[in-house]
Protein backbone atom coordinates (compact mmCIF):
# COMPACT_ATOMS: atom_id res chain seq x y z
CA UNK A 1 1.39 -7.92 -19.63
CA UNK A 2 3.20 -6.30 -17.14
CA UNK A 3 3.80 -6.29 -12.87
CA UNK A 4 2.18 -4.40 -10.72
CA UNK A 5 3.08 -4.36 -7.17
CA UNK A 6 1.58 -4.35 -3.63
CA UNK A 7 2.36 -1.82 -1.09
CA UNK A 8 2.61 -5.04 1.51
CA UNK A 9 5.03 -7.56 1.70
CA UNK A 10 8.10 -9.23 3.61
CA UNK A 11 11.10 -10.99 3.07
CA UNK A 12 14.81 -12.02 5.03
CA UNK A 13 18.02 -13.47 4.13
CA UNK A 14 20.66 -14.27 5.74
CA UNK A 15 24.69 -14.91 5.41
CA UNK A 16 26.71 -17.73 7.87
CA UNK A 17 30.08 -16.97 8.16
CA UNK A 18 33.51 -18.12 9.55
CA UNK A 19 33.20 -14.81 12.11
CA UNK A 20 29.57 -15.13 12.40
CA UNK A 21 25.85 -14.26 10.90
CA UNK A 22 24.45 -11.44 9.28
CA UNK A 23 20.66 -10.70 8.04
CA UNK A 24 18.84 -8.51 6.87
CA UNK A 25 14.30 -8.08 7.40
CA UNK A 26 12.72 -5.66 4.99
CA UNK A 27 9.08 -5.19 5.46
CA UNK A 28 6.58 -2.99 3.60
CA UNK A 29 2.90 -1.70 4.18
CA UNK A 30 0.51 0.70 2.58
CA UNK A 31 2.12 4.44 2.38
CA UNK A 32 1.48 7.65 0.14
CA UNK A 33 5.02 8.68 -0.55
CA UNK A 34 8.41 5.78 -0.22
CA UNK A 35 9.27 6.57 3.96
CA UNK A 36 12.27 3.98 4.56
CA UNK A 37 13.41 3.39 9.08
CA UNK A 38 16.34 2.16 9.07
CA UNK A 39 17.92 -0.13 12.28
CA UNK A 40 21.26 -1.61 11.89
CA UNK A 41 24.43 -2.16 13.94
CA UNK A 42 27.13 0.70 14.52
CA UNK A 43 29.50 -1.27 12.16
CA UNK A 44 27.48 -0.48 9.27
CA UNK A 45 25.96 2.92 9.80
CA UNK A 46 28.06 4.51 7.40
CA UNK A 47 26.25 2.63 4.94
CA UNK A 48 23.13 3.96 5.40
CA UNK A 49 22.36 6.27 3.04
CA UNK A 50 23.79 3.91 0.36
CA UNK A 51 21.00 1.26 1.66
CA UNK A 52 18.38 3.32 0.93
CA UNK A 53 19.03 4.63 -1.97
CA UNK A 54 19.85 1.12 -3.38
CA UNK A 55 15.74 0.09 -1.44
CA UNK A 56 14.93 3.97 -3.22
CA UNK A 57 15.96 2.38 -6.28
CA UNK A 58 13.98 -1.03 -6.40
CA UNK A 59 10.82 0.50 -4.66
CA UNK A 60 8.25 3.91 -5.81
CA UNK A 61 6.20 3.61 -2.85
CA UNK A 62 4.89 2.43 0.91
CA UNK A 63 6.77 2.55 4.47
CA UNK A 64 9.76 0.45 4.55
CA UNK A 65 11.17 -1.26 7.33
CA UNK A 66 14.61 -2.49 7.22
CA UNK A 67 16.59 -4.25 9.90
CA UNK A 68 19.79 -5.70 9.73
CA UNK A 69 21.63 -8.55 12.70
CA UNK A 70 25.11 -8.76 13.09
CA UNK A 71 26.15 -11.33 14.79
CA UNK A 72 29.83 -11.05 15.73
CA UNK A 73 30.72 -14.76 17.21
CA UNK A 74 33.72 -14.50 19.97
CA UNK A 75 36.84 -15.59 20.17
CA UNK A 76 38.09 -19.02 20.90
CA UNK A 77 36.04 -20.61 23.49
CA UNK A 78 39.74 -20.70 24.79
CA UNK A 79 40.40 -16.49 25.29
CA UNK A 80 40.78 -15.14 27.97
CA UNK A 81 38.25 -12.51 29.44
CA UNK A 82 38.40 -9.18 30.01
CA UNK A 83 40.03 -8.77 33.26
CA UNK A 84 40.21 -4.98 33.88
CA UNK A 85 37.21 -5.22 32.98
CA UNK A 86 36.06 -8.00 35.18
CA UNK A 87 37.30 -5.28 37.83
CA UNK A 88 35.31 -2.21 37.02
CA UNK A 89 31.90 -4.93 37.03
CA UNK A 90 33.23 -5.80 40.45
CA UNK A 91 33.70 -2.14 41.52
CA UNK A 92 30.61 -1.31 40.17
CA UNK A 93 28.44 -3.87 42.01
CA UNK A 94 30.22 -2.34 45.13
CA UNK A 95 29.16 1.21 44.69
CA UNK A 96 25.79 0.09 43.85
CA UNK A 97 25.18 -2.42 46.95
CA UNK A 98 25.96 0.58 48.84
CA UNK A 99 23.11 2.79 48.05
CA UNK A 100 21.40 -0.44 47.08
CA UNK A 101 21.90 -3.46 50.30
CA UNK A 102 19.14 -5.38 48.59
CA UNK A 103 20.68 -5.08 45.10
CA UNK A 104 21.66 -8.88 43.46
CA UNK A 105 25.13 -9.76 43.35
CA UNK A 106 26.09 -10.57 39.43
CA UNK A 107 26.46 -14.49 38.58
CA UNK A 108 29.71 -15.80 36.71
CA UNK A 109 27.97 -16.82 34.01
CA UNK A 110 26.42 -12.54 33.46
CA UNK A 111 29.86 -11.98 34.14
CA UNK A 112 31.14 -13.60 31.49
CA UNK A 113 28.44 -12.74 28.76
CA UNK A 114 28.67 -8.91 29.76
CA UNK A 115 29.11 -7.13 26.11
CA UNK A 116 32.52 -6.80 25.42
CA UNK A 117 33.59 -9.86 27.90
CA UNK A 118 35.43 -11.70 25.68
CA UNK A 119 37.42 -10.25 22.16
CA UNK A 120 35.36 -10.47 19.10
CA UNK A 121 36.41 -11.55 16.21
CA UNK A 122 37.90 -9.08 13.96
CA UNK A 123 35.94 -8.34 10.44
CA UNK A 124 37.13 -6.12 7.39
CA UNK A 125 34.67 -2.56 6.95
CA UNK A 126 35.00 -3.28 3.48
CA UNK A 127 34.51 -6.61 2.47
CA UNK A 128 31.82 -6.54 5.56
CA UNK A 129 29.99 -3.22 3.56
CA UNK A 130 30.01 -5.28 0.57
CA UNK A 131 28.58 -8.11 1.71
CA UNK A 132 25.69 -6.60 3.04
CA UNK A 133 25.27 -4.82 -0.01
CA UNK A 134 24.71 -7.68 -1.44
CA UNK A 135 22.74 -9.27 0.35
CA UNK A 136 20.16 -5.97 0.49
CA UNK A 137 20.10 -7.03 -3.32
CA UNK A 138 18.53 -10.19 -2.48
CA UNK A 139 16.05 -9.12 -0.08
CA UNK A 140 14.61 -6.32 -2.27
CA UNK A 141 14.84 -8.83 -5.31
CA UNK A 142 12.69 -11.66 -2.84
CA UNK A 143 10.52 -8.47 -1.01
CA UNK A 144 9.81 -7.30 -5.09
CA UNK A 145 9.26 -10.64 -6.02
CA UNK A 146 6.45 -10.53 -3.01
CA UNK A 147 5.00 -7.57 -4.13
CA UNK A 148 4.13 -8.87 -7.28
CA UNK A 149 2.22 -12.02 -6.85
CA UNK A 150 0.20 -9.95 -4.24
CA UNK A 151 -0.07 -7.12 -7.35
CA UNK A 152 -1.02 -10.18 -9.20
CA UNK A 153 -3.85 -10.78 -7.28
CA UNK A 154 -5.53 -7.38 -6.76
CA UNK A 155 -5.42 -7.01 -10.78
CA UNK A 156 -7.70 -9.92 -11.26
CA UNK A 157 -9.76 -8.58 -8.48
CA UNK A 158 -10.08 -5.25 -9.92
CA UNK A 159 -10.29 -6.67 -13.22
CA UNK A 160 -13.93 -8.56 -11.99
CA UNK A 161 -15.33 -6.24 -10.75
CA UNK A 162 -14.57 -3.51 -13.69
CA UNK A 163 -15.89 -6.24 -16.01
CA UNK A 164 -19.07 -5.69 -13.55
CA UNK A 165 -19.49 -2.26 -13.69
CA UNK A 166 -19.10 -2.36 -17.48
CA UNK A 167 -22.03 -5.74 -17.72
CA UNK A 168 -24.29 -3.10 -15.23
CA UNK A 169 -23.92 -0.19 -17.21
CA UNK A 170 -24.39 -1.90 -20.35
CA UNK A 171 -27.89 -2.90 -18.78
CA UNK A 172 -29.02 0.35 -17.52
CA UNK A 173 -27.39 2.04 -21.12
CA UNK A 174 -30.54 0.91 -23.55
CA UNK A 175 -33.36 2.09 -20.41
CA UNK A 176 -31.97 5.70 -20.58
CA UNK A 177 -33.93 6.95 -23.20
CA UNK A 178 -37.18 5.47 -22.04
CA UNK A 179 -37.01 5.96 -18.70
CA UNK A 180 -36.50 10.03 -19.69
CA UNK A 181 -39.68 9.78 -21.84
CA UNK A 182 -42.02 8.37 -19.80
CA UNK A 183 -40.64 11.36 -17.16
CA UNK A 184 -41.13 13.82 -20.33
CA UNK A 185 -45.12 12.53 -20.05
CA UNK A 186 -45.37 12.36 -16.44
CA UNK A 187 -44.34 15.88 -16.52
CA UNK A 188 -46.26 17.30 -19.53
CA UNK A 189 -49.54 15.77 -17.21
CA UNK A 190 -48.37 17.29 -14.83
CA UNK A 191 -47.63 21.03 -15.79
CA UNK A 192 -50.74 20.88 -18.20
CA UNK A 193 -53.13 20.75 -15.27
CA UNK A 194 -51.27 23.28 -13.72
CA UNK A 195 -50.47 26.05 -15.85
CA UNK A 196 -53.36 25.32 -18.78
CA UNK A 197 -53.18 23.29 -21.68
CA UNK A 198 -53.45 27.34 -23.30
CA UNK A 199 -49.15 27.56 -22.26
CA UNK A 200 -48.10 25.15 -24.57
CA UNK A 201 -44.70 26.90 -25.22
CA UNK A 202 -44.49 26.95 -21.43
CA UNK A 203 -44.68 23.61 -21.27
CA UNK A 204 -42.54 22.26 -24.09
CA UNK A 205 -39.89 24.66 -22.00
CA UNK A 206 -40.02 23.57 -18.18
CA UNK A 207 -39.89 19.63 -19.80
CA UNK A 208 -36.39 19.97 -22.15
CA UNK A 209 -35.33 22.07 -19.20
CA UNK A 210 -36.18 19.08 -16.62
CA UNK A 211 -35.36 16.48 -18.99
CA UNK A 212 -31.68 17.28 -19.00
CA UNK A 213 -31.34 17.81 -15.63
CA UNK A 214 -32.19 13.80 -15.58
CA UNK A 215 -30.60 12.80 -19.07
CA UNK A 216 -27.60 10.35 -17.67
CA UNK A 217 -26.67 9.32 -21.15
CA UNK A 218 -23.21 11.03 -20.92
CA UNK A 219 -22.59 9.79 -17.13
CA UNK A 220 -23.08 6.09 -18.32
CA UNK A 221 -20.51 7.06 -21.39
CA UNK A 222 -17.99 8.70 -18.62
CA UNK A 223 -17.92 5.50 -17.00
CA UNK A 224 -17.35 3.06 -19.66
CA UNK A 225 -14.01 5.27 -21.21
CA UNK A 226 -13.11 5.05 -17.25
CA UNK A 227 -13.74 1.18 -16.94
CA UNK A 228 -10.99 0.92 -20.66
CA UNK A 229 -8.80 3.80 -18.39
CA UNK A 230 -9.00 1.07 -15.69
CA UNK A 231 -7.98 -1.37 -17.71
CA UNK A 232 -5.64 -0.07 -19.67
CA UNK A 233 -3.34 0.78 -16.86
CA UNK A 234 -3.60 -2.12 -15.20
CA UNK A 235 -2.52 -4.32 -18.09
CA UNK A 236 1.13 -1.57 -18.87
CA UNK A 237 1.61 -2.62 -14.95
CA UNK A 238 4.77 -0.06 -13.40
CA UNK A 239 3.49 2.11 -10.73
CA UNK A 240 -0.17 2.46 -10.98
CA UNK A 241 -1.83 3.02 -7.38
CA UNK A 242 -1.89 6.90 -7.42
CA UNK A 243 -3.57 6.33 -11.85
CA UNK A 244 -6.07 4.22 -9.88
CA UNK A 245 -7.17 6.52 -7.01
CA UNK A 246 -7.25 9.51 -9.25
CA UNK A 247 -9.99 7.15 -11.55
CA UNK A 248 -11.39 5.50 -8.57
CA UNK A 249 -12.56 8.99 -8.23
CA UNK A 250 -13.97 9.69 -11.02
CA UNK A 251 -15.23 6.44 -11.07
CA UNK A 252 -17.94 7.59 -7.68
CA UNK A 253 -18.76 10.88 -9.07
CA UNK A 254 -19.79 9.20 -12.48
CA UNK A 255 -22.04 6.54 -10.27
CA UNK A 256 -23.12 9.31 -7.63
CA UNK A 257 -24.57 11.50 -10.22
CA UNK A 258 -26.23 8.31 -11.97
CA UNK A 259 -27.79 8.58 -8.58
CA UNK A 260 -28.57 11.75 -7.86
CA UNK A 261 -30.30 12.38 -11.30
CA UNK A 262 -32.21 8.47 -11.09
CA UNK A 263 -35.98 8.99 -11.62
CA UNK A 264 -36.48 5.14 -11.37
CA UNK A 265 -35.76 2.42 -9.05
CA UNK A 266 -33.93 0.73 -11.88
CA UNK A 267 -31.53 3.47 -12.00
CA UNK A 268 -30.77 3.84 -8.28
CA UNK A 269 -30.02 0.34 -7.66
CA UNK A 270 -27.51 0.72 -10.25
CA UNK A 271 -25.99 3.27 -8.90
CA UNK A 272 -25.82 1.36 -5.58
CA UNK A 273 -24.48 -1.21 -7.05
CA UNK A 274 -21.76 0.42 -9.04
CA UNK A 275 -20.23 2.52 -5.71
CA UNK A 276 -20.47 -0.44 -3.71
CA UNK A 277 -18.10 -2.48 -6.20
CA UNK A 278 -15.96 1.54 -6.63
CA UNK A 279 -15.89 1.10 -3.24
CA UNK A 280 -14.53 -2.43 -3.12
CA UNK A 281 -12.02 -1.52 -5.56
CA UNK A 282 -10.46 1.50 -4.27
CA UNK A 283 -9.37 -0.24 -1.12
CA UNK A 284 -7.61 -2.76 -3.35
CA UNK A 285 -6.07 0.41 -4.71
CA UNK A 286 -4.84 1.57 -1.10
CA UNK A 287 -2.64 -1.86 -1.07
CA UNK A 288 -1.34 -0.40 -4.45
CA UNK A 289 2.25 0.98 -5.62
């Protein structure tokens, strides 16, 4: 039995190195198609397309949010600050205070923590790109494992409800011929009272016509076919979401027709139970890739 995948999942991986750290977060939710949003530092902008492609090779459906955080350590603590930048900050502060006298002065800590105040550790671009793609592969592996575990849970729920649909189908199927016969008998009595016994041919024609309208054996049979196909798709695994969504529509169509043709409270009750089960399944199917 091959895995099926939920479209909901999360993974986070981190790598600490001498020059800093790199973190990749992947979050996925339901979506009709594959949609990837990417947020990362400018140092990795040149491999954004490659990262999107790598994600597309592993995931076929879902809205995916990819966040990358690159933290580069400052140079050694003994390094001198950027005095040119300090002078600019002092000038900018003076200009601001000319316009806004109540503006607060920058503290020493705020000045020293200003972006670019200390030299950043240099990192080889090719090395960083290779590391990022490797780490993305690890994150995707973790994400797919998470989605597979959730997919297995959803598969169990779908199988459980499919078996309940089959139980109801087998329960109601033997009673259909008797229900049709009972309805025909009642209808024959009413027609003879309305048309008279001299018009038996008309009575028989009306009975045959109405009997065809309430006979649900075909719908019952199709329910069984759809359940068998559903179980086959779940067993096959892979990207099953769209196929199962179609089967939910077909199952609902048959359950709805069963209810509309019903001439007995028993079949009406079964139709209602089927609709509840199918709706529960449909909600779960929306989460599958």
